[in-house]
Amino acid sequence: MFSDVAAPLSITSDGDETEVVVALAGELDAGGRDQVDRALILAEDRRPPRLVIDLRNVTFMDSAGITCVLRARARAGVSRRELRVLARRDRQPAMVFELCGLRSLVETTSAPDDADRPHA
């Protein structure tokens, strides 16, 4: 059955002095872009050497999500911070990166948990 109700976007952030993970779940579109940008900037303010954007539980993403990742990538370059972007191979966000010619920005996994190793 098809639903017209969008899955609400949720954002969690966790980490330590070496890595901060910003995990998103639900649908990332223009309505959530500012919220995601703020969460990423707050994570970056902690000055971790590595920032991980976890999109493995995102079910839908449009160009707003790509914009968030590209902005975070630009800031990471200036700060000399490692940026990792994780997405599930079988979910729509991985396909969006592929269609936009940005496949090299994302590491894909086959499962939502940390047990599965990312594939570049």
PDB file of N, CA and C in Angstrom:
ATOM      1  N   MET A   1       0.840  -1.175   0.000  1.00  0.00           N
ATOM      2  CA  MET A   1       0.000   0.000   0.000  1.00  0.00           C
ATOM      3  C   MET A   1       0.887   1.241   0.000  1.00  0.00           C
ATOM      4  N   PHE A   2       0.518   2.225  -0.756  1.00  0.00           N
ATOM      5  CA  PHE A   2       1.267   3.471  -0.887  1.00  0.00           C
ATOM      6  C   PHE A   2       0.730   4.498   0.085  1.00  0.00           C
ATOM      7  N   SER A   3       1.621   5.237   0.704  1.00  0.00           N
ATOM      8  CA  SER A   3       1.209   6.249   1.663  1.00  0.00           C
ATOM      9  C   SER A   3       1.636   7.625   1.188  1.00  0.00           C
ATOM     10  N   ASP A   4       0.750   8.604   1.316  1.00  0.00           N
ATOM     11  CA  ASP A   4       1.078   9.976   0.960  1.00  0.00           C
ATOM     12  C   ASP A   4       1.721  10.722   2.122  1.00  0.00           C
ATOM     13  N   VAL A   5       1.819  10.068   3.268  1.00  0.00           N
ATOM     14  CA  VAL A   5       2.383  10.703   4.447  1.00  0.00           C
ATOM     15  C   VAL A   5       3.893  10.469   4.463  1.00  0.00           C
ATOM     16  N   ALA A   6       4.656  11.556   4.495  1.00  0.00           N
ATOM     17  CA  ALA A   6       6.109  11.459   4.522  1.00  0.00           C
ATOM     18  C   ALA A   6       6.573  11.015   5.902  1.00  0.00           C
ATOM     19  N   ALA A   7       7.623  10.181   5.908  1.00  0.00           N
ATOM     20  CA  ALA A   7       8.217   9.777   7.178  1.00  0.00           C
ATOM     21  C   ALA A   7       8.948  10.987   7.748  1.00  0.00           C
ATOM     22  N   PRO A   8       8.660  11.359   8.979  1.00  0.00           N
ATOM     23  CA  PRO A   8       9.319  12.544   9.549  1.00  0.00           C
ATOM     24  C   PRO A   8      10.821  12.322   9.638  1.00  0.00           C
ATOM     25  N   LEU A   9      11.556  13.396   9.478  1.00  0.00           N
ATOM     26  CA  LEU A   9      13.005  13.355   9.567  1.00  0.00           C
ATOM     27  C   LEU A   9      13.422  13.389  11.027  1.00  0.00           C
ATOM     28  N   SER A  10      14.307  12.483  11.399  1.00  0.00           N
ATOM     29  CA  SER A  10      14.889  12.539  12.736  1.00  0.00           C
ATOM     30  C   SER A  10      16.405  12.608  12.596  1.00  0.00           C
ATOM     31  N   ILE A  11      17.018  13.303  13.539  1.00  0.00           N
ATOM     32  CA  ILE A  11      18.466  13.512  13.509  1.00  0.00           C
ATOM     33  C   ILE A  11      19.016  13.217  14.893  1.00  0.00           C
ATOM     34  N   THR A  12      20.050  12.384  14.951  1.00  0.00           N
ATOM     35  CA  THR A  12      20.765  12.152  16.198  1.00  0.00           C
ATOM     36  C   THR A  12      22.246  12.404  15.948  1.00  0.00           C
ATOM     37  N   SER A  13      22.924  12.797  16.991  1.00  0.00           N
ATOM     38  CA  SER A  13      24.355  13.064  16.892  1.00  0.00           C
ATOM     39  C   SER A  13      25.038  12.458  18.105  1.00  0.00           C
ATOM     40  N   ASP A  14      26.130  11.756  17.850  1.00  0.00           N
ATOM     41  CA  ASP A  14      26.862  11.120  18.930  1.00  0.00           C
ATOM     42  C   ASP A  14      28.326  11.019  18.526  1.00  0.00           C
ATOM     43  N   GLY A  15      29.193  11.027  19.484  1.00  0.00           N
ATOM     44  CA  GLY A  15      30.593  10.876  19.156  1.00  0.00           C
ATOM     45  C   GLY A  15      31.509  11.218  20.295  1.00  0.00           C
ATOM     46  N   ASP A  16      32.777  11.304  19.944  1.00  0.00           N
ATOM     47  CA  ASP A  16      33.809  11.629  20.917  1.00  0.00           C
ATOM     48  C   ASP A  16      34.801  12.583  20.273  1.00  0.00           C
ATOM     49  N   GLU A  17      36.005  12.670  20.835  1.00  0.00           N
ATOM     50  CA  GLU A  17      36.976  13.631  20.317  1.00  0.00           C
ATOM     51  C   GLU A  17      37.563  13.230  18.971  1.00  0.00           C
ATOM     52  N   THR A  18      37.367  11.985  18.529  1.00  0.00           N
ATOM     53  CA  THR A  18      37.926  11.554  17.244  1.00  0.00           C
ATOM     54  C   THR A  18      36.903  11.488  16.117  1.00  0.00           C
ATOM     55  N   GLU A  19      35.638  11.262  16.466  1.00  0.00           N
ATOM     56  CA  GLU A  19      34.621  11.089  15.424  1.00  0.00           C
ATOM     57  C   GLU A  19      33.252  11.481  15.955  1.00  0.00           C
ATOM     58  N   VAL A  20      32.508  12.206  15.137  1.00  0.00           N
ATOM     59  CA  VAL A  20      31.112  12.512  15.453  1.00  0.00           C
ATOM     60  C   VAL A  20      30.262  11.949  14.316  1.00  0.00           C
ATOM     61  N   VAL A  21      29.220  11.222  14.685  1.00  0.00           N
ATOM     62  CA  VAL A  21      28.295  10.642  13.713  1.00  0.00           C
ATOM     63  C   VAL A  21      26.970  11.389  13.811  1.00  0.00           C
ATOM     64  N   VAL A  22      26.532  11.931  12.688  1.00  0.00           N
ATOM     65  CA  VAL A  22      25.211  12.543  12.581  1.00  0.00           C
ATOM     66  C   VAL A  22      24.370  11.558  11.776  1.00  0.00           C
ATOM     67  N   ALA A  23      23.412  10.919  12.456  1.00  0.00           N
ATOM     68  CA  ALA A  23      22.583   9.894  11.827  1.00  0.00           C
ATOM     69  C   ALA A  23      21.202  10.472  11.524  1.00  0.00           C
ATOM     70  N   LEU A  24      20.775  10.278  10.290  1.00  0.00           N
ATOM     71  CA  LEU A  24      19.470  10.760   9.843  1.00  0.00           C
ATOM     72  C   LEU A  24      18.568   9.570   9.567  1.00  0.00           C
ATOM     73  N   ALA A  25      17.278   9.768   9.775  1.00  0.00           N
ATOM     74  CA  ALA A  25      16.293   8.733   9.462  1.00  0.00           C
ATOM     75  C   ALA A  25      15.035   9.414   8.946  1.00  0.00           C
ATOM     76  N   GLY A  26      14.346   8.737   8.048  1.00  0.00           N
ATOM     77  CA  GLY A  26      13.114   9.293   7.475  1.00  0.00           C
ATOM     78  C   GLY A  26      13.372   9.917   6.121  1.00  0.00           C
ATOM     79  N   GLU A  27      12.681  11.016   5.842  1.00  0.00           N
ATOM     80  CA  GLU A  27      12.768  11.660   4.531  1.00  0.00           C
ATOM     81  C   GLU A  27      13.486  12.998   4.639  1.00  0.00           C
ATOM     82  N   LEU A  28      14.515  13.149   3.816  1.00  0.00           N
ATOM     83  CA  LEU A  28      15.299  14.380   3.789  1.00  0.00           C
ATOM     84  C   LEU A  28      14.979  15.135   2.506  1.00  0.00           C
ATOM     85  N   ASP A  29      14.222  16.209   2.663  1.00  0.00           N
ATOM     86  CA  ASP A  29      13.883  17.054   1.516  1.00  0.00           C
ATOM     87  C   ASP A  29      14.077  18.505   1.929  1.00  0.00           C
ATOM     88  N   ALA A  30      13.599  19.419   1.124  1.00  0.00           N
ATOM     89  CA  ALA A  30      13.795  20.849   1.387  1.00  0.00           C
ATOM     90  C   ALA A  30      13.273  21.251   2.760  1.00  0.00           C
ATOM     91  N   GLY A  31      12.238  20.601   3.249  1.00  0.00           N
ATOM     92  CA  GLY A  31      11.680  20.932   4.552  1.00  0.00           C
ATOM     93  C   GLY A  31      12.625  20.642   5.705  1.00  0.00           C
ATOM     94  N   GLY A  32      13.563  19.715   5.523  1.00  0.00           N
ATOM     95  CA  GLY A  32      14.493  19.362   6.587  1.00  0.00           C
ATOM     96  C   GLY A  32      15.910  19.869   6.374  1.00  0.00           C
ATOM     97  N   ARG A  33      16.150  20.512   5.233  1.00  0.00           N
ATOM     98  CA  ARG A  33      17.509  20.947   4.884  1.00  0.00           C
ATOM     99  C   ARG A  33      18.136  21.829   5.963  1.00  0.00           C
ATOM    100  N   ASP A  34      17.437  22.841   6.437  1.00  0.00           N
ATOM    101  CA  ASP A  34      18.010  23.750   7.437  1.00  0.00           C
ATOM    102  C   ASP A  34      18.307  23.022   8.742  1.00  0.00           C
ATOM    103  N   GLN A  35      17.427  22.125   9.127  1.00  0.00           N
ATOM    104  CA  GLN A  35      17.610  21.345  10.352  1.00  0.00           C
ATOM    105  C   GLN A  35      18.870  20.474  10.241  1.00  0.00           C
ATOM    106  N   VAL A  36      19.068  19.853   9.095  1.00  0.00           N
ATOM    107  CA  VAL A  36      20.252  19.013   8.884  1.00  0.00           C
ATOM    108  C   VAL A  36      21.508  19.870   8.855  1.00  0.00           C
ATOM    109  N   ASP A  37      21.469  20.992   8.148  1.00  0.00           N
ATOM    110  CA  ASP A  37      22.628  21.887   8.114  1.00  0.00           C
ATOM    111  C   ASP A  37      23.025  22.317   9.526  1.00  0.00           C
ATOM    112  N   ARG A  38      22.047  22.678  10.348  1.00  0.00           N
ATOM    113  CA  ARG A  38      22.335  23.091  11.732  1.00  0.00           C
ATOM    114  C   ARG A  38      22.964  21.952  12.525  1.00  0.00           C
ATOM    115  N   ALA A  39      22.432  20.748  12.377  1.00  0.00           N
ATOM    116  CA  ALA A  39      22.974  19.592  13.100  1.00  0.00           C
ATOM    117  C   ALA A  39      24.414  19.304  12.674  1.00  0.00           C
ATOM    118  N   LEU A  40      24.691  19.419  11.385  1.00  0.00           N
ATOM    119  CA  LEU A  40      26.047  19.179  10.898  1.00  0.00           C
ATOM    120  C   LEU A  40      27.009  20.253  11.404  1.00  0.00           C
ATOM    121  N   ILE A  41      26.580  21.494  11.395  1.00  0.00           N
ATOM    122  CA  ILE A  41      27.442  22.578  11.874  1.00  0.00           C
ATOM    123  C   ILE A  41      27.712  22.429  13.373  1.00  0.00           C
ATOM    124  N   LEU A  42      26.701  22.053  14.141  1.00  0.00           N
ATOM    125  CA  LEU A  42      26.907  21.809  15.578  1.00  0.00           C
ATOM    126  C   LEU A  42      27.908  20.672  15.792  1.00  0.00           C
ATOM    127  N   ALA A  43      27.812  19.623  14.994  1.00  0.00           N
ATOM    128  CA  ALA A  43      28.760  18.510  15.097  1.00  0.00           C
ATOM    129  C   ALA A  43      30.163  18.980  14.723  1.00  0.00           C
ATOM    130  N   GLU A  44      30.270  19.781  13.682  1.00  0.00           N
ATOM    131  CA  GLU A  44      31.570  20.298  13.240  1.00  0.00           C
ATOM    132  C   GLU A  44      32.182  21.221  14.290  1.00  0.00           C
ATOM    133  N   ASP A  45      31.351  21.951  15.010  1.00  0.00           N
ATOM    134  CA  ASP A  45      31.837  22.848  16.064  1.00  0.00           C
ATOM    135  C   ASP A  45      32.560  22.095  17.175  1.00  0.00           C
ATOM    136  N   ARG A  46      32.313  20.798  17.268  1.00  0.00           N
ATOM    137  CA  ARG A  46      33.019  19.967  18.256  1.00  0.00           C
ATOM    138  C   ARG A  46      34.450  19.667  17.794  1.00  0.00           C
ATOM    139  N   ARG A  47      34.765  20.035  16.566  1.00  0.00           N
ATOM    140  CA  ARG A  47      36.091  19.895  15.943  1.00  0.00           C
ATOM    141  C   ARG A  47      36.616  18.453  15.923  1.00  0.00           C
ATOM    142  N   PRO A  48      35.790  17.506  15.511  1.00  0.00           N
ATOM    143  CA  PRO A  48      36.309  16.138  15.413  1.00  0.00           C
ATOM    144  C   PRO A  48      37.170  16.004  14.149  1.00  0.00           C
ATOM    145  N   PRO A  49      38.180  15.158  14.179  1.00  0.00           N
ATOM    146  CA  PRO A  49      38.957  14.937  12.958  1.00  0.00           C
ATOM    147  C   PRO A  49      38.142  14.236  11.862  1.00  0.00           C
ATOM    148  N   ARG A  50      37.091  13.506  12.282  1.00  0.00           N
ATOM    149  CA  ARG A  50      36.245  12.799  11.304  1.00  0.00           C
ATOM    150  C   ARG A  50      34.780  13.046  11.631  1.00  0.00           C
ATOM    151  N   LEU A  51      34.033  13.389  10.585  1.00  0.00           N
ATOM    152  CA  LEU A  51      32.583  13.543  10.690  1.00  0.00           C
ATOM    153  C   LEU A  51      31.940  12.506   9.787  1.00  0.00           C
ATOM    154  N   VAL A  52      30.967  11.795  10.321  1.00  0.00           N
ATOM    155  CA  VAL A  52      30.249  10.783   9.559  1.00  0.00           C
ATOM    156  C   VAL A  52      28.800  11.235   9.416  1.00  0.00           C
ATOM    157  N   ILE A  53      28.324  11.280   8.186  1.00  0.00           N
ATOM    158  CA  ILE A  53      26.912  11.535   7.918  1.00  0.00           C
ATOM    159  C   ILE A  53      26.304  10.185   7.571  1.00  0.00           C
ATOM    160  N   ASP A  54      25.461   9.687   8.433  1.00  0.00           N
ATOM    161  CA  ASP A  54      24.876   8.356   8.274  1.00  0.00           C
ATOM    162  C   ASP A  54      23.476   8.480   7.678  1.00  0.00           C
ATOM    163  N   LEU A  55      23.361   8.110   6.424  1.00  0.00           N
ATOM    164  CA  LEU A  55      22.084   8.168   5.698  1.00  0.00           C
ATOM    165  C   LEU A  55      21.449   6.788   5.547  1.00  0.00           C
ATOM    166  N   ARG A  56      21.954   5.795   6.272  1.00  0.00           N
ATOM    167  CA  ARG A  56      21.480   4.423   6.067  1.00  0.00           C
ATOM    168  C   ARG A  56      20.012   4.219   6.402  1.00  0.00           C
ATOM    169  N   ASN A  57      19.430   5.095   7.229  1.00  0.00           N
ATOM    170  CA  ASN A  57      18.015   4.962   7.563  1.00  0.00           C
ATOM    171  C   ASN A  57      17.166   6.047   6.919  1.00  0.00           C
ATOM    172  N   VAL A  58      17.724   6.722   5.933  1.00  0.00           N
ATOM    173  CA  VAL A  58      16.960   7.695   5.150  1.00  0.00           C
ATOM    174  C   VAL A  58      16.242   6.933   4.046  1.00  0.00           C
ATOM    175  N   THR A  59      14.943   7.125   3.955  1.00  0.00           N
ATOM    176  CA  THR A  59      14.147   6.400   2.966  1.00  0.00           C
ATOM    177  C   THR A  59      13.929   7.198   1.685  1.00  0.00           C
ATOM    178  N   PHE A  60      14.071   8.517   1.775  1.00  0.00           N
ATOM    179  CA  PHE A  60      13.925   9.388   0.600  1.00  0.00           C
ATOM    180  C   PHE A  60      14.841  10.589   0.781  1.00  0.00           C
ATOM    181  N   MET A  61      15.490  10.976  -0.313  1.00  0.00           N
ATOM    182  CA  MET A  61      16.343  12.165  -0.284  1.00  0.00           C
ATOM    183  C   MET A  61      16.285  12.817  -1.654  1.00  0.00           C
ATOM    184  N   ASP A  62      16.152  14.143  -1.665  1.00  0.00           N
ATOM    185  CA  ASP A  62      16.184  14.852  -2.939  1.00  0.00           C
ATOM    186  C   ASP A  62      17.427  15.737  -2.987  1.00  0.00           C
ATOM    187  N   SER A  63      17.428  16.721  -3.865  1.00  0.00           N
ATOM    188  CA  SER A  63      18.600  17.577  -4.029  1.00  0.00           C
ATOM    189  C   SER A  63      18.952  18.334  -2.756  1.00  0.00           C
ATOM    190  N   ALA A  64      18.005  18.528  -1.859  1.00  0.00           N
ATOM    191  CA  ALA A  64      18.292  19.189  -0.581  1.00  0.00           C
ATOM    192  C   ALA A  64      19.308  18.377   0.220  1.00  0.00           C
ATOM    193  N   GLY A  65      19.187  17.071   0.184  1.00  0.00           N
ATOM    194  CA  GLY A  65      20.142  16.208   0.886  1.00  0.00           C
ATOM    195  C   GLY A  65      21.519  16.274   0.258  1.00  0.00           C
ATOM    196  N   ILE A  66      21.559  16.272  -1.065  1.00  0.00           N
ATOM    197  CA  ILE A  66      22.837  16.414  -1.770  1.00  0.00           C
ATOM    198  C   ILE A  66      23.480  17.739  -1.383  1.00  0.00           C
ATOM    199  N   THR A  67      22.689  18.801  -1.327  1.00  0.00           N
ATOM    200  CA  THR A  67      23.202  20.122  -0.954  1.00  0.00           C
ATOM    201  C   THR A  67      23.820  20.096   0.437  1.00  0.00           C
ATOM    202  N   CYS A  68      23.152  19.451   1.390  1.00  0.00           N
ATOM    203  CA  CYS A  68      23.693  19.355   2.754  1.00  0.00           C
ATOM    204  C   CYS A  68      25.044  18.653   2.756  1.00  0.00           C
ATOM    205  N   VAL A  69      25.139  17.566   2.024  1.00  0.00           N
ATOM    206  CA  VAL A  69      26.395  16.808   1.973  1.00  0.00           C
ATOM    207  C   VAL A  69      27.491  17.628   1.297  1.00  0.00           C
ATOM    208  N   LEU A  70      27.162  18.302   0.198  1.00  0.00           N
ATOM    209  CA  LEU A  70      28.168  19.096  -0.497  1.00  0.00           C
ATOM    210  C   LEU A  70      28.657  20.269   0.359  1.00  0.00           C
ATOM    211  N   ARG A  71      27.756  20.877   1.107  1.00  0.00           N
ATOM    212  CA  ARG A  71      28.167  21.960   2.014  1.00  0.00           C
ATOM    213  C   ARG A  71      29.087  21.421   3.108  1.00  0.00           C
ATOM    214  N   ALA A  72      28.727  20.278   3.674  1.00  0.00           N
ATOM    215  CA  ALA A  72      29.569  19.672   4.716  1.00  0.00           C
ATOM    216  C   ALA A  72      30.926  19.283   4.137  1.00  0.00           C
ATOM    217  N   ARG A  73      30.932  18.801   2.918  1.00  0.00           N
ATOM    218  CA  ARG A  73      32.198  18.440   2.257  1.00  0.00           C
ATOM    219  C   ARG A  73      33.084  19.669   2.078  1.00  0.00           C
ATOM    220  N   ALA A  74      32.501  20.779   1.663  1.00  0.00           N
ATOM    221  CA  ALA A  74      33.273  22.015   1.486  1.00  0.00           C
ATOM    222  C   ALA A  74      33.862  22.479   2.819  1.00  0.00           C
ATOM    223  N   ARG A  75      33.051  22.434   3.856  1.00  0.00           N
ATOM    224  CA  ARG A  75      33.551  22.847   5.175  1.00  0.00           C
ATOM    225  C   ARG A  75      34.633  21.898   5.678  1.00  0.00           C
ATOM    226  N   ALA A  76      34.485  20.611   5.399  1.00  0.00           N
ATOM    227  CA  ALA A  76      35.493  19.628   5.811  1.00  0.00           C
ATOM    228  C   ALA A  76      36.820  19.896   5.105  1.00  0.00           C
ATOM    229  N   GLY A  77      36.755  20.279   3.838  1.00  0.00           N
ATOM    230  CA  GLY A  77      37.974  20.598   3.108  1.00  0.00           C
ATOM    231  C   GLY A  77      38.707  21.776   3.714  1.00  0.00           C
ATOM    232  N   VAL A  78      37.964  22.799   4.076  1.00  0.00           N
ATOM    233  CA  VAL A  78      38.563  23.987   4.690  1.00  0.00           C
ATOM    234  C   VAL A  78      39.170  23.633   6.053  1.00  0.00           C
ATOM    235  N   SER A  79      38.476  22.801   6.812  1.00  0.00           N
ATOM    236  CA  SER A  79      38.920  22.419   8.160  1.00  0.00           C
ATOM    237  C   SER A  79      39.876  21.236   8.167  1.00  0.00           C
ATOM    238  N   ARG A  80      40.112  20.663   6.996  1.00  0.00           N
ATOM    239  CA  ARG A  80      40.962  19.462   6.876  1.00  0.00           C
ATOM    240  C   ARG A  80      40.430  18.317   7.740  1.00  0.00           C
ATOM    241  N   ARG A  81      39.123  18.153   7.670  1.00  0.00           N
ATOM    242  CA  ARG A  81      38.427  17.112   8.420  1.00  0.00           C
ATOM    243  C   ARG A  81      38.034  16.008   7.445  1.00  0.00           C
ATOM    244  N   GLU A  82      38.152  14.768   7.888  1.00  0.00           N
ATOM    245  CA  GLU A  82      37.684  13.643   7.082  1.00  0.00           C
ATOM    246  C   GLU A  82      36.159  13.614   7.139  1.00  0.00           C
ATOM    247  N   LEU A  83      35.542  13.427   6.003  1.00  0.00           N
ATOM    248  CA  LEU A  83      34.081  13.305   5.934  1.00  0.00           C
ATOM    249  C   LEU A  83      33.744  11.961   5.318  1.00  0.00           C
ATOM    250  N   ARG A  84      32.912  11.208   6.019  1.00  0.00           N
ATOM    251  CA  ARG A  84      32.396   9.945   5.485  1.00  0.00           C
ATOM    252  C   ARG A  84      30.883  10.070   5.386  1.00  0.00           C
ATOM    253  N   VAL A  85      30.346   9.579   4.290  1.00  0.00           N
ATOM    254  CA  VAL A  85      28.899   9.556   4.084  1.00  0.00           C
ATOM    255  C   VAL A  85      28.517   8.097   3.852  1.00  0.00           C
ATOM    256  N   LEU A  86      27.614   7.593   4.677  1.00  0.00           N
ATOM    257  CA  LEU A  86      27.176   6.202   4.580  1.00  0.00           C
ATOM    258  C   LEU A  86      25.743   6.145   4.067  1.00  0.00           C
ATOM    259  N   ALA A  87      25.484   5.217   3.160  1.00  0.00           N
ATOM    260  CA  ALA A  87      24.126   5.003   2.649  1.00  0.00           C
ATOM    261  C   ALA A  87      23.952   3.522   2.340  1.00  0.00           C
ATOM    262  N   ARG A  88      22.729   3.065   2.459  1.00  0.00           N
ATOM    263  CA  ARG A  88      22.438   1.674   2.095  1.00  0.00           C
ATOM    264  C   ARG A  88      22.320   1.549   0.589  1.00  0.00           C
ATOM    265  N   ARG A  89      22.955   0.545   0.077  1.00  0.00           N
ATOM    266  CA  ARG A  89      22.969   0.271  -1.358  1.00  0.00           C
ATOM    267  C   ARG A  89      21.556   0.104  -1.917  1.00  0.00           C
ATOM    268  N   ASP A  90      20.641  -0.433  -1.110  1.00  0.00           N
ATOM    269  CA  ASP A  90      19.293  -0.742  -1.585  1.00  0.00           C
ATOM    270  C   ASP A  90      18.279   0.362  -1.291  1.00  0.00           C
ATOM    271  N   ARG A  91      18.743   1.519  -0.880  1.00  0.00           N
ATOM    272  CA  ARG A  91      17.823   2.625  -0.583  1.00  0.00           C
ATOM    273  C   ARG A  91      18.021   3.763  -1.573  1.00  0.00           C
ATOM    274  N   GLN A  92      17.013   4.580  -1.694  1.00  0.00           N
ATOM    275  CA  GLN A  92      16.963   5.659  -2.673  1.00  0.00           C
ATOM    276  C   GLN A  92      18.111   6.669  -2.570  1.00  0.00           C
ATOM    277  N   PRO A  93      18.582   7.070  -1.383  1.00  0.00           N
ATOM    278  CA  PRO A  93      19.675   8.049  -1.342  1.00  0.00           C
ATOM    279  C   PRO A  93      20.929   7.609  -2.111  1.00  0.00           C
ATOM    280  N   ALA A  94      21.298   6.337  -2.033  1.00  0.00           N
ATOM    281  CA  ALA A  94      22.467   5.861  -2.789  1.00  0.00           C
ATOM    282  C   ALA A  94      22.255   6.061  -4.282  1.00  0.00           C
ATOM    283  N   MET A  95      21.029   5.847  -4.736  1.00  0.00           N
ATOM    284  CA  MET A  95      20.714   6.037  -6.159  1.00  0.00           C
ATOM    285  C   MET A  95      20.788   7.513  -6.551  1.00  0.00           C
ATOM    286  N   VAL A  96      20.397   8.406  -5.644  1.00  0.00           N
ATOM    287  CA  VAL A  96      20.464   9.842  -5.927  1.00  0.00           C
ATOM    288  C   VAL A  96      21.914  10.265  -6.136  1.00  0.00           C
ATOM    289  N   PHE A  97      22.814   9.802  -5.266  1.00  0.00           N
ATOM    290  CA  PHE A  97      24.227  10.120  -5.445  1.00  0.00           C
ATOM    291  C   PHE A  97      24.724   9.593  -6.795  1.00  0.00           C
ATOM    292  N   GLU A  98      24.322   8.384  -7.128  1.00  0.00           N
ATOM    293  CA  GLU A  98      24.723   7.773  -8.404  1.00  0.00           C
ATOM    294  C   GLU A  98      24.221   8.600  -9.583  1.00  0.00           C
ATOM    295  N   LEU A  99      22.956   8.946  -9.577  1.00  0.00           N
ATOM    296  CA  LEU A  99      22.365   9.709 -10.684  1.00  0.00           C
ATOM    297  C   LEU A  99      22.968  11.099 -10.832  1.00  0.00           C
ATOM    298  N   CYS A 100      23.419  11.674  -9.729  1.00  0.00           N
ATOM    299  CA  CYS A 100      24.017  13.020  -9.759  1.00  0.00           C
ATOM    300  C   CYS A 100      25.507  12.980 -10.086  1.00  0.00           C
ATOM    301  N   GLY A 101      26.045  11.803 -10.312  1.00  0.00           N
ATOM    302  CA  GLY A 101      27.468  11.683 -10.606  1.00  0.00           C
ATOM    303  C   GLY A 101      28.346  11.899  -9.385  1.00  0.00           C
ATOM    304  N   LEU A 102      27.781  11.654  -8.199  1.00  0.00           N
ATOM    305  CA  LEU A 102      28.503  11.883  -6.950  1.00  0.00           C
ATOM    306  C   LEU A 102      28.737  10.583  -6.185  1.00  0.00           C
ATOM    307  N   ARG A 103      28.771   9.502  -6.886  1.00  0.00           N
ATOM    308  CA  ARG A 103      28.940   8.175  -6.282  1.00  0.00           C
ATOM    309  C   ARG A 103      30.181   8.099  -5.396  1.00  0.00           C
ATOM    310  N   SER A 104      31.241   8.823  -5.772  1.00  0.00           N
ATOM    311  CA  SER A 104      32.490   8.754  -5.017  1.00  0.00           C
ATOM    312  C   SER A 104      32.377   9.387  -3.628  1.00  0.00           C
ATOM    313  N   LEU A 105      31.327  10.138  -3.374  1.00  0.00           N
ATOM    314  CA  LEU A 105      31.154  10.785  -2.065  1.00  0.00           C
ATOM    315  C   LEU A 105      30.575   9.871  -1.006  1.00  0.00           C
ATOM    316  N   VAL A 106      30.013   8.746  -1.414  1.00  0.00           N
ATOM    317  CA  VAL A 106      29.260   7.919  -0.472  1.00  0.00           C
ATOM    318  C   VAL A 106      29.816   6.500  -0.413  1.00  0.00           C
ATOM    319  N   GLU A 107      29.832   5.951   0.798  1.00  0.00           N
ATOM    320  CA  GLU A 107      30.182   4.549   1.013  1.00  0.00           C
ATOM    321  C   GLU A 107      28.867   3.801   1.198  1.00  0.00           C
ATOM    322  N   THR A 108      28.685   2.726   0.446  1.00  0.00           N
ATOM    323  CA  THR A 108      27.425   1.999   0.548  1.00  0.00           C
ATOM    324  C   THR A 108      27.596   0.726   1.359  1.00  0.00           C
ATOM    325  N   THR A 109      26.530   0.379   2.069  1.00  0.00           N
ATOM    326  CA  THR A 109      26.473  -0.846   2.845  1.00  0.00           C
ATOM    327  C   THR A 109      25.211  -1.592   2.441  1.00  0.00           C
ATOM    328  N   SER A 110      25.126  -2.845   2.850  1.00  0.00           N
ATOM    329  CA  SER A 110      23.925  -3.611   2.527  1.00  0.00           C
ATOM    330  C   SER A 110      22.976  -3.715   3.708  1.00  0.00           C
ATOM    331  N   ALA A 111      23.373  -3.170   4.865  1.00  0.00           N
ATOM    332  CA  ALA A 111      22.529  -3.260   6.061  1.00  0.00           C
ATOM    333  C   ALA A 111      22.617  -1.960   6.853  1.00  0.00           C
ATOM    334  N   PRO A 112      21.616  -1.680   7.673  1.00  0.00           N
ATOM    335  CA  PRO A 112      21.613  -0.432   8.428  1.00  0.00           C
ATOM    336  C   PRO A 112      22.515  -0.436   9.663  1.00  0.00           C
ATOM    337  N   ASP A 113      23.043  -1.599  10.052  1.00  0.00           N
ATOM    338  CA  ASP A 113      23.837  -1.618  11.285  1.00  0.00           C
ATOM    339  C   ASP A 113      25.328  -1.511  11.001  1.00  0.00           C
ATOM    340  N   ASP A 114      26.096  -1.318  12.036  1.00  0.00           N
ATOM    341  CA  ASP A 114      27.536  -1.134  11.911  1.00  0.00           C
ATOM    342  C   ASP A 114      28.283  -2.422  11.613  1.00  0.00           C
ATOM    343  N   ALA A 115      27.617  -3.564  11.686  1.00  0.00           N
ATOM    344  CA  ALA A 115      28.296  -4.831  11.440  1.00  0.00           C
ATOM    345  C   ALA A 115      28.712  -4.981   9.989  1.00  0.00           C
ATOM    346  N   ASP A 116      28.003  -4.332   9.085  1.00  0.00           N
ATOM    347  CA  ASP A 116      28.322  -4.436   7.670  1.00  0.00           C
ATOM    348  C   ASP A 116      29.379  -3.391   7.318  1.00  0.00           C
ATOM    349  N   ARG A 117      30.428  -3.801   6.685  1.00  0.00           N
ATOM    350  CA  ARG A 117      31.491  -2.876   6.304  1.00  0.00           C
ATOM    351  C   ARG A 117      31.096  -2.080   5.062  1.00  0.00           C
ATOM    352  N   PRO A 118      31.398  -0.780   5.048  1.00  0.00           N
ATOM    353  CA  PRO A 118      31.098   0.044   3.876  1.00  0.00           C
ATOM    354  C   PRO A 118      31.929  -0.358   2.672  1.00  0.00           C
ATOM    355  N   HIS A 119      31.368  -0.150   1.504  1.00  0.00           N
ATOM    356  CA  HIS A 119      32.051  -0.396   0.236  1.00  0.00           C
ATOM    357  C   HIS A 119      32.114   0.906  -0.524  1.00  0.00           C
ATOM    358  N   ALA A 120      33.309   1.319  -0.869  1.00  0.00           N
ATOM    359  CA  ALA A 120      33.471   2.582  -1.613  1.00  0.00           C
ATOM    360  C   ALA A 120      33.097   2.411  -3.064  1.00  0.00           C
TER     361      ALA A 120
END
